[in-house]
Amino acid sequence: MKKLTLADYQALAEFRYQIRRFLRFSEQAVEAAGLERGQYQLMLAIKGMPEGVRPRIRELANRMQIQHHSAVELINRLEARGYVRRERAQNDRREVLLALAPKGERVLAELALHHHDELRSAAPGLVTALRRLMHGGKNGARRRSGANGKLLSSITHA
C-alpha cells in the first residue's frame, strides 16, 4: 500500500478547503432565499435532469444521493410552499413526475445565477487545488481510473 506524503495531505486539505468555501457560500445564499440546502438541491436536480431521464422521485433521490423517503419529504415541503408540483405522466397516469412551479423557476433562476457567478470566481482556486492533488508530491501524476478519473483528468488538463 502506498503511503501518502505531507504534500499529498496538504493537497487533499486544500482541495477540501476550496470545496467547503464554495459550499459555505451556497448555504448562505440558499438560506437568504428562505430555503433549506436540500430544497435548493432538489429544485436544481429537477431543472438539470439529464436528457431522457424522467423527473420522478426515484431518479431525484438517486441524483441527490438520499433515501426515497427523504426526497418525498423535501418534495412535500416544496410543494406546500408552491415551488414544485406533481404531475401525472401523459402515457401512464400512474407515474408521477415532478416539475418546478413558476415560483420555483424564479427562485432557482436567481440562486443558480449567483452560484454560477461564485463558481466562476472560485474556479481558479478549485482547479489549482485539483491540479496539486492530481500532480502533487514527489511521484508526479496519480493514476486515474473510472468516470471520476476521466472527469478529473479533463479538468486538470483544461
N, C-alpha and C. Protein backbone atom coordinates (compact mmCIF):
# COMPACT_ATOMS: atom_id res chain seq x y z
N MET A 1 0.84 -1.18 0.00
CA MET A 1 0.00 0.00 0.00
C MET A 1 0.89 1.24 0.00
N LYS A 2 0.58 2.17 -0.87
CA LYS A 2 1.34 3.41 -0.98
C LYS A 2 1.06 4.30 0.21
N LYS A 3 2.08 4.97 0.70
CA LYS A 3 1.92 5.92 1.80
C LYS A 3 1.85 7.33 1.22
N LEU A 4 0.98 8.12 1.80
CA LEU A 4 0.85 9.50 1.37
C LEU A 4 1.95 10.35 1.99
N THR A 5 2.37 11.33 1.21
CA THR A 5 3.38 12.27 1.70
C THR A 5 2.68 13.46 2.35
N LEU A 6 3.46 14.29 3.01
CA LEU A 6 2.92 15.52 3.58
C LEU A 6 2.29 16.38 2.48
N ALA A 7 2.92 16.43 1.32
CA ALA A 7 2.38 17.20 0.20
C ALA A 7 1.01 16.64 -0.24
N ASP A 8 0.85 15.33 -0.19
CA ASP A 8 -0.45 14.72 -0.53
C ASP A 8 -1.52 15.17 0.45
N TYR A 9 -1.19 15.14 1.73
CA TYR A 9 -2.16 15.58 2.75
C TYR A 9 -2.48 17.06 2.59
N GLN A 10 -1.48 17.86 2.29
CA GLN A 10 -1.71 19.29 2.09
C GLN A 10 -2.59 19.53 0.88
N ALA A 11 -2.38 18.77 -0.18
CA ALA A 11 -3.19 18.91 -1.39
C ALA A 11 -4.64 18.51 -1.11
N LEU A 12 -4.82 17.42 -0.39
CA LEU A 12 -6.18 17.00 -0.02
C LEU A 12 -6.87 18.05 0.84
N ALA A 13 -6.13 18.58 1.80
CA ALA A 13 -6.70 19.60 2.69
C ALA A 13 -7.06 20.86 1.92
N GLU A 14 -6.22 21.27 0.99
CA GLU A 14 -6.51 22.47 0.20
C GLU A 14 -7.73 22.27 -0.69
N PHE A 15 -7.83 21.10 -1.30
CA PHE A 15 -8.98 20.81 -2.15
C PHE A 15 -10.26 20.83 -1.32
N ARG A 16 -10.22 20.21 -0.15
CA ARG A 16 -11.38 20.20 0.74
C ARG A 16 -11.74 21.62 1.18
N TYR A 17 -10.75 22.43 1.46
CA TYR A 17 -10.97 23.82 1.84
C TYR A 17 -11.66 24.59 0.72
N GLN A 18 -11.18 24.43 -0.51
CA GLN A 18 -11.77 25.15 -1.65
C GLN A 18 -13.23 24.72 -1.86
N ILE A 19 -13.49 23.43 -1.75
CA ILE A 19 -14.88 22.95 -1.89
C ILE A 19 -15.74 23.51 -0.77
N ARG A 20 -15.24 23.49 0.44
CA ARG A 20 -16.00 23.97 1.59
C ARG A 20 -16.31 25.46 1.48
N ARG A 21 -15.38 26.25 0.93
CA ARG A 21 -15.64 27.68 0.73
C ARG A 21 -16.84 27.87 -0.19
N PHE A 22 -16.87 27.10 -1.29
CA PHE A 22 -18.00 27.22 -2.20
C PHE A 22 -19.29 26.75 -1.54
N LEU A 23 -19.23 25.64 -0.81
CA LEU A 23 -20.43 25.14 -0.14
C LEU A 23 -20.94 26.11 0.91
N ARG A 24 -20.04 26.79 1.60
CA ARG A 24 -20.47 27.79 2.59
C ARG A 24 -21.18 28.94 1.91
N PHE A 25 -20.64 29.40 0.79
CA PHE A 25 -21.33 30.42 0.00
C PHE A 25 -22.73 29.94 -0.35
N SER A 26 -22.83 28.71 -0.84
CA SER A 26 -24.11 28.15 -1.25
C SER A 26 -25.09 28.10 -0.09
N GLU A 27 -24.64 27.64 1.06
CA GLU A 27 -25.52 27.57 2.24
C GLU A 27 -26.07 28.94 2.59
N GLN A 28 -25.22 29.96 2.55
CA GLN A 28 -25.65 31.31 2.90
C GLN A 28 -26.64 31.86 1.88
N ALA A 29 -26.37 31.64 0.59
CA ALA A 29 -27.26 32.13 -0.46
C ALA A 29 -28.62 31.47 -0.38
N VAL A 30 -28.63 30.17 -0.17
CA VAL A 30 -29.89 29.42 -0.10
C VAL A 30 -30.69 29.86 1.13
N GLU A 31 -30.01 30.00 2.25
CA GLU A 31 -30.68 30.45 3.47
C GLU A 31 -31.27 31.85 3.30
N ALA A 32 -30.54 32.73 2.65
CA ALA A 32 -31.03 34.10 2.41
C ALA A 32 -32.28 34.10 1.53
N ALA A 33 -32.41 33.08 0.69
CA ALA A 33 -33.60 32.96 -0.17
C ALA A 33 -34.76 32.29 0.56
N GLY A 34 -34.55 31.90 1.81
CA GLY A 34 -35.60 31.27 2.59
C GLY A 34 -35.79 29.79 2.34
N LEU A 35 -34.76 29.16 1.82
CA LEU A 35 -34.83 27.72 1.53
C LEU A 35 -33.82 26.96 2.38
N GLU A 36 -34.00 25.65 2.41
CA GLU A 36 -33.02 24.75 3.00
C GLU A 36 -32.11 24.25 1.88
N ARG A 37 -30.91 23.87 2.26
CA ARG A 37 -29.92 23.39 1.28
C ARG A 37 -30.50 22.28 0.39
N GLY A 38 -31.16 21.31 1.01
CA GLY A 38 -31.71 20.19 0.25
C GLY A 38 -32.82 20.62 -0.70
N GLN A 39 -33.57 21.64 -0.32
CA GLN A 39 -34.64 22.12 -1.19
C GLN A 39 -34.06 22.74 -2.46
N TYR A 40 -33.02 23.54 -2.31
CA TYR A 40 -32.36 24.12 -3.49
C TYR A 40 -31.80 23.00 -4.36
N GLN A 41 -31.13 22.05 -3.74
CA GLN A 41 -30.52 20.96 -4.50
C GLN A 41 -31.57 20.15 -5.25
N LEU A 42 -32.73 19.95 -4.63
CA LEU A 42 -33.79 19.19 -5.30
C LEU A 42 -34.34 19.97 -6.49
N MET A 43 -34.56 21.27 -6.32
CA MET A 43 -35.05 22.07 -7.45
C MET A 43 -34.02 22.10 -8.58
N LEU A 44 -32.75 22.21 -8.22
CA LEU A 44 -31.69 22.18 -9.24
C LEU A 44 -31.65 20.83 -9.94
N ALA A 45 -31.85 19.75 -9.19
CA ALA A 45 -31.87 18.41 -9.79
C ALA A 45 -33.04 18.25 -10.75
N ILE A 46 -34.20 18.82 -10.41
CA ILE A 46 -35.35 18.75 -11.32
C ILE A 46 -35.01 19.49 -12.62
N LYS A 47 -34.55 20.72 -12.49
CA LYS A 47 -34.26 21.55 -13.66
C LYS A 47 -33.10 20.99 -14.48
N GLY A 48 -32.12 20.41 -13.82
CA GLY A 48 -30.92 19.93 -14.51
C GLY A 48 -30.91 18.45 -14.80
N MET A 49 -32.09 17.82 -14.76
CA MET A 49 -32.17 16.38 -15.02
C MET A 49 -31.60 16.08 -16.42
N PRO A 50 -30.75 15.05 -16.51
CA PRO A 50 -30.18 14.71 -17.83
C PRO A 50 -31.28 14.39 -18.85
N GLU A 51 -31.00 14.70 -20.08
CA GLU A 51 -31.96 14.42 -21.15
C GLU A 51 -32.31 12.94 -21.17
N GLY A 52 -33.57 12.64 -21.31
CA GLY A 52 -34.02 11.26 -21.36
C GLY A 52 -34.32 10.65 -20.00
N VAL A 53 -34.00 11.36 -18.92
CA VAL A 53 -34.30 10.86 -17.57
C VAL A 53 -35.54 11.60 -17.07
N ARG A 54 -36.54 10.84 -16.69
CA ARG A 54 -37.80 11.43 -16.25
C ARG A 54 -37.68 11.89 -14.79
N PRO A 55 -38.20 13.07 -14.47
CA PRO A 55 -38.06 13.62 -13.11
C PRO A 55 -39.03 12.97 -12.12
N ARG A 56 -38.73 11.73 -11.78
CA ARG A 56 -39.51 11.00 -10.78
C ARG A 56 -38.75 11.01 -9.46
N ILE A 57 -39.46 10.69 -8.41
CA ILE A 57 -38.86 10.72 -7.08
C ILE A 57 -37.64 9.82 -7.01
N ARG A 58 -37.73 8.63 -7.56
CA ARG A 58 -36.61 7.68 -7.52
C ARG A 58 -35.36 8.28 -8.16
N GLU A 59 -35.52 8.89 -9.33
CA GLU A 59 -34.37 9.47 -10.02
C GLU A 59 -33.80 10.66 -9.25
N LEU A 60 -34.68 11.48 -8.68
CA LEU A 60 -34.21 12.63 -7.92
C LEU A 60 -33.48 12.19 -6.65
N ALA A 61 -34.01 11.19 -5.97
CA ALA A 61 -33.33 10.67 -4.79
C ALA A 61 -31.95 10.15 -5.17
N ASN A 62 -31.86 9.46 -6.28
CA ASN A 62 -30.58 8.95 -6.74
C ASN A 62 -29.62 10.08 -7.09
N ARG A 63 -30.09 11.09 -7.82
CA ARG A 63 -29.24 12.22 -8.20
C ARG A 63 -28.71 12.96 -6.98
N MET A 64 -29.53 13.01 -5.92
CA MET A 64 -29.13 13.71 -4.70
C MET A 64 -28.42 12.80 -3.71
N GLN A 65 -28.42 11.49 -4.00
CA GLN A 65 -27.81 10.50 -3.12
C GLN A 65 -28.46 10.52 -1.73
N ILE A 66 -29.80 10.53 -1.74
CA ILE A 66 -30.56 10.47 -0.49
C ILE A 66 -31.58 9.34 -0.60
N GLN A 67 -32.18 8.99 0.54
CA GLN A 67 -33.20 7.95 0.57
C GLN A 67 -34.49 8.46 -0.07
N HIS A 68 -35.26 7.53 -0.61
CA HIS A 68 -36.53 7.85 -1.26
C HIS A 68 -37.43 8.67 -0.33
N HIS A 69 -37.57 8.22 0.92
CA HIS A 69 -38.46 8.92 1.85
C HIS A 69 -37.97 10.33 2.16
N SER A 70 -36.67 10.56 2.12
CA SER A 70 -36.13 11.90 2.33
C SER A 70 -36.48 12.81 1.16
N ALA A 71 -36.42 12.25 -0.05
CA ALA A 71 -36.80 13.02 -1.24
C ALA A 71 -38.29 13.38 -1.18
N VAL A 72 -39.11 12.42 -0.77
CA VAL A 72 -40.56 12.68 -0.65
C VAL A 72 -40.81 13.82 0.32
N GLU A 73 -40.12 13.83 1.44
CA GLU A 73 -40.30 14.89 2.44
C GLU A 73 -39.89 16.25 1.88
N LEU A 74 -38.77 16.31 1.18
CA LEU A 74 -38.36 17.56 0.55
C LEU A 74 -39.39 18.03 -0.46
N ILE A 75 -39.88 17.13 -1.27
CA ILE A 75 -40.88 17.46 -2.28
C ILE A 75 -42.16 17.95 -1.62
N ASN A 76 -42.59 17.28 -0.58
CA ASN A 76 -43.81 17.70 0.13
C ASN A 76 -43.68 19.13 0.63
N ARG A 77 -42.55 19.45 1.23
CA ARG A 77 -42.36 20.82 1.75
C ARG A 77 -42.28 21.85 0.63
N LEU A 78 -41.60 21.50 -0.45
CA LEU A 78 -41.52 22.42 -1.58
C LEU A 78 -42.87 22.61 -2.26
N GLU A 79 -43.62 21.54 -2.36
CA GLU A 79 -44.95 21.62 -2.97
C GLU A 79 -45.88 22.48 -2.11
N ALA A 80 -45.82 22.31 -0.80
CA ALA A 80 -46.66 23.09 0.11
C ALA A 80 -46.36 24.58 0.01
N ARG A 81 -45.12 24.93 -0.33
CA ARG A 81 -44.73 26.34 -0.44
C ARG A 81 -44.85 26.87 -1.86
N GLY A 82 -45.31 26.03 -2.78
CA GLY A 82 -45.55 26.49 -4.15
C GLY A 82 -44.35 26.51 -5.06
N TYR A 83 -43.29 25.77 -4.72
CA TYR A 83 -42.08 25.74 -5.54
C TYR A 83 -42.08 24.61 -6.58
N VAL A 84 -42.70 23.49 -6.26
CA VAL A 84 -42.76 22.37 -7.19
C VAL A 84 -44.18 21.85 -7.26
N ARG A 85 -44.42 21.06 -8.29
CA ARG A 85 -45.74 20.42 -8.41
C ARG A 85 -45.55 19.00 -8.95
N ARG A 86 -46.49 18.17 -8.56
CA ARG A 86 -46.52 16.80 -9.07
C ARG A 86 -47.46 16.79 -10.26
N GLU A 87 -47.09 16.01 -11.28
CA GLU A 87 -47.92 15.88 -12.48
C GLU A 87 -48.01 14.41 -12.85
N ARG A 88 -49.12 14.00 -13.38
CA ARG A 88 -49.27 12.64 -13.89
C ARG A 88 -48.71 12.58 -15.30
N ALA A 89 -47.99 11.52 -15.60
CA ALA A 89 -47.43 11.33 -16.94
C ALA A 89 -48.57 11.13 -17.93
N GLN A 90 -48.39 11.61 -19.14
CA GLN A 90 -49.41 11.51 -20.17
C GLN A 90 -49.66 10.07 -20.60
N ASN A 91 -48.59 9.29 -20.76
CA ASN A 91 -48.74 7.94 -21.28
C ASN A 91 -49.04 6.90 -20.21
N ASP A 92 -48.78 7.19 -18.95
CA ASP A 92 -49.06 6.27 -17.85
C ASP A 92 -49.49 7.10 -16.66
N ARG A 93 -50.78 7.19 -16.44
CA ARG A 93 -51.33 8.06 -15.40
C ARG A 93 -50.90 7.64 -13.98
N ARG A 94 -50.35 6.45 -13.84
CA ARG A 94 -49.86 6.02 -12.52
C ARG A 94 -48.52 6.67 -12.18
N GLU A 95 -47.79 7.09 -13.19
CA GLU A 95 -46.47 7.67 -13.00
C GLU A 95 -46.58 9.14 -12.58
N VAL A 96 -45.88 9.49 -11.50
CA VAL A 96 -45.87 10.86 -11.02
C VAL A 96 -44.54 11.51 -11.38
N LEU A 97 -44.64 12.62 -12.09
CA LEU A 97 -43.45 13.38 -12.47
C LEU A 97 -43.43 14.68 -11.68
N LEU A 98 -42.26 15.22 -11.51
CA LEU A 98 -42.10 16.47 -10.77
C LEU A 98 -41.69 17.59 -11.72
N ALA A 99 -42.18 18.78 -11.43
CA ALA A 99 -41.85 19.95 -12.23
C ALA A 99 -41.75 21.15 -11.31
N LEU A 100 -40.98 22.12 -11.73
CA LEU A 100 -40.91 23.36 -10.99
C LEU A 100 -42.15 24.20 -11.28
N ALA A 101 -42.73 24.78 -10.26
CA ALA A 101 -43.81 25.74 -10.41
C ALA A 101 -43.16 27.07 -10.79
N PRO A 102 -43.94 28.03 -11.30
CA PRO A 102 -43.36 29.33 -11.66
C PRO A 102 -42.55 29.97 -10.53
N LYS A 103 -43.03 29.88 -9.31
CA LYS A 103 -42.30 30.42 -8.15
C LYS A 103 -40.96 29.72 -7.99
N GLY A 104 -40.93 28.41 -8.16
CA GLY A 104 -39.69 27.65 -8.08
C GLY A 104 -38.73 28.02 -9.19
N GLU A 105 -39.26 28.21 -10.39
CA GLU A 105 -38.43 28.63 -11.53
C GLU A 105 -37.74 29.96 -11.23
N ARG A 106 -38.50 30.91 -10.69
CA ARG A 106 -37.94 32.24 -10.40
C ARG A 106 -36.84 32.17 -9.34
N VAL A 107 -37.12 31.49 -8.24
CA VAL A 107 -36.15 31.41 -7.15
C VAL A 107 -34.92 30.63 -7.60
N LEU A 108 -35.13 29.52 -8.30
CA LEU A 108 -34.00 28.73 -8.76
C LEU A 108 -33.14 29.52 -9.74
N ALA A 109 -33.77 30.26 -10.65
CA ALA A 109 -33.00 31.04 -11.62
C ALA A 109 -32.09 32.04 -10.91
N GLU A 110 -32.61 32.70 -9.91
CA GLU A 110 -31.82 33.68 -9.16
C GLU A 110 -30.67 33.01 -8.41
N LEU A 111 -30.99 31.94 -7.69
CA LEU A 111 -29.95 31.24 -6.93
C LEU A 111 -28.90 30.61 -7.84
N ALA A 112 -29.34 30.01 -8.92
CA ALA A 112 -28.40 29.35 -9.83
C ALA A 112 -27.46 30.38 -10.47
N LEU A 113 -27.98 31.55 -10.77
CA LEU A 113 -27.14 32.61 -11.33
C LEU A 113 -26.06 33.01 -10.33
N HIS A 114 -26.43 33.20 -9.07
CA HIS A 114 -25.44 33.53 -8.04
C HIS A 114 -24.42 32.40 -7.87
N HIS A 115 -24.90 31.16 -7.89
CA HIS A 115 -23.99 30.01 -7.76
C HIS A 115 -23.03 29.94 -8.95
N HIS A 116 -23.56 30.18 -10.14
CA HIS A 116 -22.74 30.14 -11.34
C HIS A 116 -21.65 31.21 -11.26
N ASP A 117 -22.03 32.42 -10.88
CA ASP A 117 -21.05 33.50 -10.75
C ASP A 117 -19.99 33.17 -9.70
N GLU A 118 -20.42 32.66 -8.56
CA GLU A 118 -19.49 32.32 -7.49
C GLU A 118 -18.55 31.20 -7.92
N LEU A 119 -19.08 30.21 -8.62
CA LEU A 119 -18.24 29.11 -9.08
C LEU A 119 -17.21 29.59 -10.09
N ARG A 120 -17.61 30.51 -10.96
CA ARG A 120 -16.64 31.07 -11.91
C ARG A 120 -15.53 31.81 -11.16
N SER A 121 -15.90 32.48 -10.09
CA SER A 121 -14.92 33.20 -9.28
C SER A 121 -14.02 32.22 -8.52
N ALA A 122 -14.60 31.14 -8.03
CA ALA A 122 -13.86 30.16 -7.24
C ALA A 122 -13.07 29.18 -8.10
N ALA A 123 -13.36 29.12 -9.39
CA ALA A 123 -12.77 28.11 -10.27
C ALA A 123 -11.24 28.09 -10.24
N PRO A 124 -10.56 29.23 -10.31
CA PRO A 124 -9.09 29.15 -10.31
C PRO A 124 -8.54 28.43 -9.06
N GLY A 125 -9.08 28.72 -7.90
CA GLY A 125 -8.63 28.06 -6.68
C GLY A 125 -8.94 26.57 -6.70
N LEU A 126 -10.14 26.22 -7.19
CA LEU A 126 -10.52 24.81 -7.26
C LEU A 126 -9.64 24.05 -8.26
N VAL A 127 -9.42 24.65 -9.42
CA VAL A 127 -8.59 23.98 -10.43
C VAL A 127 -7.16 23.83 -9.95
N THR A 128 -6.63 24.86 -9.33
CA THR A 128 -5.27 24.78 -8.79
C THR A 128 -5.17 23.67 -7.75
N ALA A 129 -6.16 23.62 -6.86
CA ALA A 129 -6.17 22.58 -5.83
C ALA A 129 -6.27 21.19 -6.45
N LEU A 130 -7.10 21.05 -7.48
CA LEU A 130 -7.21 19.76 -8.18
C LEU A 130 -5.90 19.38 -8.85
N ARG A 131 -5.30 20.34 -9.52
CA ARG A 131 -4.01 20.04 -10.17
C ARG A 131 -2.98 19.60 -9.16
N ARG A 132 -2.94 20.30 -8.05
CA ARG A 132 -1.98 19.95 -6.99
C ARG A 132 -2.27 18.56 -6.45
N LEU A 133 -3.53 18.26 -6.28
CA LEU A 133 -3.94 16.96 -5.78
C LEU A 133 -3.55 15.84 -6.76
N MET A 134 -3.78 16.09 -8.03
CA MET A 134 -3.52 15.07 -9.04
C MET A 134 -2.04 14.94 -9.39
N HIS A 135 -1.30 16.02 -9.28
CA HIS A 135 0.10 16.00 -9.71
C HIS A 135 1.08 16.32 -8.59
N GLY A 136 0.56 16.52 -7.40
CA GLY A 136 1.41 16.92 -6.28
C GLY A 136 2.30 15.81 -5.78
N GLY A 137 3.13 16.17 -4.85
CA GLY A 137 4.02 15.18 -4.24
C GLY A 137 5.19 14.84 -5.13
N LYS A 138 6.00 13.93 -4.68
CA LYS A 138 7.23 13.56 -5.40
C LYS A 138 6.97 12.60 -6.54
N ASN A 139 5.80 11.94 -6.53
CA ASN A 139 5.54 10.89 -7.53
C ASN A 139 4.84 11.39 -8.78
N GLY A 140 4.63 12.69 -8.90
CA GLY A 140 4.00 13.23 -10.11
C GLY A 140 2.54 12.87 -10.19
N ALA A 141 2.09 12.62 -11.42
CA ALA A 141 0.67 12.37 -11.66
C ALA A 141 0.23 11.07 -11.00
N ARG A 142 -0.94 11.10 -10.44
CA ARG A 142 -1.53 9.92 -9.82
C ARG A 142 -2.30 9.14 -10.87
N ARG A 143 -2.46 7.86 -10.63
CA ARG A 143 -3.23 7.00 -11.52
C ARG A 143 -4.70 7.43 -11.48
N ARG A 144 -5.33 7.53 -12.64
CA ARG A 144 -6.74 7.89 -12.73
C ARG A 144 -7.51 6.70 -13.26
N SER A 145 -8.68 6.46 -12.69
CA SER A 145 -9.49 5.36 -13.19
C SER A 145 -10.96 5.72 -13.09
N GLY A 146 -11.75 5.08 -13.93
CA GLY A 146 -13.20 5.26 -13.88
C GLY A 146 -13.64 6.61 -14.35
N ALA A 147 -14.97 6.83 -14.26
CA ALA A 147 -15.57 8.07 -14.74
C ALA A 147 -15.03 9.27 -13.98
N ASN A 148 -14.84 9.16 -12.66
CA ASN A 148 -14.33 10.28 -11.88
C ASN A 148 -12.91 10.63 -12.29
N GLY A 149 -12.12 9.63 -12.57
CA GLY A 149 -10.77 9.87 -13.02
C GLY A 149 -10.73 10.58 -14.35
N LYS A 150 -11.62 10.20 -15.26
CA LYS A 150 -11.71 10.87 -16.55
C LYS A 150 -12.13 12.32 -16.36
N LEU A 151 -13.08 12.57 -15.47
CA LEU A 151 -13.51 13.94 -15.21
C LEU A 151 -12.36 14.74 -14.64
N LEU A 152 -11.68 14.21 -13.63
CA LEU A 152 -10.57 14.92 -13.02
C LEU A 152 -9.47 15.16 -14.03
N SER A 153 -9.22 14.17 -14.87
CA SER A 153 -8.18 14.32 -15.88
C SER A 153 -8.54 15.44 -16.86
N SER A 154 -9.80 15.50 -17.28
CA SER A 154 -10.20 16.54 -18.22
C SER A 154 -10.17 17.91 -17.57
N ILE A 155 -10.50 18.00 -16.29
CA ILE A 155 -10.48 19.28 -15.59
C ILE A 155 -9.04 19.76 -15.40
N THR A 156 -8.19 18.87 -14.95
CA THR A 156 -6.83 19.28 -14.63
C THR A 156 -5.98 19.52 -15.86
N HIS A 157 -6.43 19.06 -17.03
CA HIS A 157 -5.67 19.30 -18.26
C HIS A 157 -6.34 20.34 -19.14
N ALA A 158 -7.33 21.03 -18.60
CA ALA A 158 -8.04 22.06 -19.40
C ALA A 158 -7.18 23.28 -19.59
